[in-house]
C-alpha atoms as a PDB file:
ATOM      1  CA  UNK A   1     132.739 103.462   6.641  1.00  0.00           C
ATOM      2  CA  UNK A   2     135.681 102.506   8.779  1.00  0.00           C
ATOM      3  CA  UNK A   3     137.090 105.696  10.211  1.00  0.00           C
ATOM      4  CA  UNK A   4     140.822 105.958  10.765  1.00  0.00           C
ATOM      5  CA  UNK A   5     141.112 108.487  13.632  1.00  0.00           C
ATOM      6  CA  UNK A   6     144.587 109.673  12.699  1.00  0.00           C
ATOM      7  CA  UNK A   7     143.380 110.689   9.229  1.00  0.00           C
ATOM      8  CA  UNK A   8     139.758 111.744   9.732  1.00  0.00           C
ATOM      9  CA  UNK A   9     139.290 114.379  12.432  1.00  0.00           C
ATOM     10  CA  UNK A  10     136.486 115.985  10.396  1.00  0.00           C
ATOM     11  CA  UNK A  11     134.600 112.690  10.165  1.00  0.00           C
ATOM     12  CA  UNK A  12     135.126 111.976  13.860  1.00  0.00           C
ATOM     13  CA  UNK A  13     133.714 115.338  14.860  1.00  0.00           C
ATOM     14  CA  UNK A  14     130.814 114.830  12.427  1.00  0.00           C
ATOM     15  CA  UNK A  15     129.746 111.558  14.097  1.00  0.00           C
ATOM     16  CA  UNK A  16     130.164 112.704  17.706  1.00  0.00           C
ATOM     17  CA  UNK A  17     126.753 112.621  19.358  1.00  0.00           C
ATOM     18  CA  UNK A  18     125.231 110.824  16.381  1.00  0.00           C
ATOM     19  CA  UNK A  19     123.958 107.272  15.986  1.00  0.00           C
ATOM     20  CA  UNK A  20     125.865 105.129  13.493  1.00  0.00           C
ATOM     21  CA  UNK A  21     124.168 102.015  12.104  1.00  0.00           C
ATOM     22  CA  UNK A  22     126.714  99.577  10.648  1.00  0.00           C
ATOM     23  CA  UNK A  23     125.807  97.821   7.401  1.00  0.00           C
ATOM     24  CA  UNK A  24     128.033  95.165   5.879  1.00  0.00           C
ATOM     25  CA  UNK A  25     128.102  92.210   3.545  1.00  0.00           C
ATOM     26  CA  UNK A  26     129.883  89.039   4.567  1.00  0.00           C
ATOM     27  CA  UNK A  27     130.768  85.504   3.571  1.00  0.00           C
ATOM     28  CA  UNK A  28     130.311  83.748   6.925  1.00  0.00           C
ATOM     29  CA  UNK A  29     131.072  86.120   9.795  1.00  0.00           C
ATOM     30  CA  UNK A  30     127.875  88.153  10.071  1.00  0.00           C
ATOM     31  CA  UNK A  31     128.735  91.485  11.634  1.00  0.00           C
ATOM     32  CA  UNK A  32     132.004  89.968  12.848  1.00  0.00           C
ATOM     33  CA  UNK A  33     134.033  92.739  14.475  1.00  0.00           C
ATOM     34  CA  UNK A  34     132.176  95.521  12.653  1.00  0.00           C
ATOM     35  CA  UNK A  35     130.452  96.864  15.773  1.00  0.00           C
ATOM     36  CA  UNK A  36     133.635  96.911  17.864  1.00  0.00           C
ATOM     37  CA  UNK A  37     135.542  98.433  14.925  1.00  0.00           C
ATOM     38  CA  UNK A  38     132.977 101.226  14.686  1.00  0.00           C
ATOM     39  CA  UNK A  39     133.013 101.762  18.457  1.00  0.00           C
ATOM     40  CA  UNK A  40     136.770 102.238  18.473  1.00  0.00           C
ATOM     41  CA  UNK A  41     136.772 104.268  15.241  1.00  0.00           C
ATOM     42  CA  UNK A  42     133.877 106.554  16.160  1.00  0.00           C
ATOM     43  CA  UNK A  43     134.329 107.587  19.799  1.00  0.00           C
ATOM     44  CA  UNK A  44     131.494 109.808  20.890  1.00  0.00           C
ATOM     45  CA  UNK A  45     128.996 108.131  18.569  1.00  0.00           C
ATOM     46  CA  UNK A  46     126.311 105.678  19.590  1.00  0.00           C
ATOM     47  CA  UNK A  47     126.614 102.476  17.583  1.00  0.00           C
ATOM     48  CA  UNK A  48     123.135 101.137  16.911  1.00  0.00           C
ATOM     49  CA  UNK A  49     121.828  97.867  15.562  1.00  0.00           C
ATOM     50  CA  UNK A  50     123.724  96.758  12.493  1.00  0.00           C
ATOM     51  CA  UNK A  51     122.715  94.791   9.433  1.00  0.00           C
ATOM     52  CA  UNK A  52     124.824  92.021   7.940  1.00  0.00           C
ATOM     53  CA  UNK A  53     123.822  90.479   4.621  1.00  0.00           C
ATOM     54  CA  UNK A  54     125.513  87.434   3.191  1.00  0.00           C
ATOM     55  CA  UNK A  55     127.214  88.432  -0.058  1.00  0.00           C
ATOM     56  CA  UNK A  56     125.477  85.877  -2.258  1.00  0.00           C
ATOM     57  CA  UNK A  57     122.077  86.859  -0.788  1.00  0.00           C
ATOM     58  CA  UNK A  58     122.327  90.610  -1.448  1.00  0.00           C
ATOM     59  CA  UNK A  59     120.014  90.525  -4.466  1.00  0.00           C
ATOM     60  CA  UNK A  60     117.289  88.854  -2.395  1.00  0.00           C
ATOM     61  CA  UNK A  61     117.836  90.819   0.838  1.00  0.00           C
ATOM     62  CA  UNK A  62     115.124  93.427   0.261  1.00  0.00           C
ATOM     63  CA  UNK A  63     112.812  92.057   2.962  1.00  0.00           C
ATOM     64  CA  UNK A  64     115.686  91.869   5.481  1.00  0.00           C
ATOM     65  CA  UNK A  65     116.756  95.425   4.688  1.00  0.00           C
ATOM     66  CA  UNK A  66     113.188  96.712   4.969  1.00  0.00           C
ATOM     67  CA  UNK A  67     112.725  94.900   8.297  1.00  0.00           C
ATOM     68  CA  UNK A  68     115.994  96.391   9.603  1.00  0.00           C
ATOM     69  CA  UNK A  69     114.993  99.865   8.433  1.00  0.00           C
ATOM     70  CA  UNK A  70     111.662  99.524  10.252  1.00  0.00           C
ATOM     71  CA  UNK A  71     113.341  98.191  13.381  1.00  0.00           C
ATOM     72  CA  UNK A  72     115.828 101.070  13.474  1.00  0.00           C
ATOM     73  CA  UNK A  73     113.106 103.662  12.901  1.00  0.00           C
ATOM     74  CA  UNK A  74     114.581 104.814   9.584  1.00  0.00           C
ATOM     75  CA  UNK A  75     111.474 103.642   7.745  1.00  0.00           C
ATOM     76  CA  UNK A  76     107.963 104.064   9.022  1.00  0.00           C
END
């Protein structure tokens, strides 16, 4: 979710005080500017550790996703 502040006041207020964990697919850039984009788009939110999965590896990314979920505390 890339939040456009001028169009999404409800979303901005919904993420204030929350932790946002960026997840993206990519060709070569990893997280690229995703974290900085989220920081500027979601002021008031804490931007946590993100996950970037190479597009052609999505089908086989289960172990990476599970590891990320464990690391972030979303899966125990």
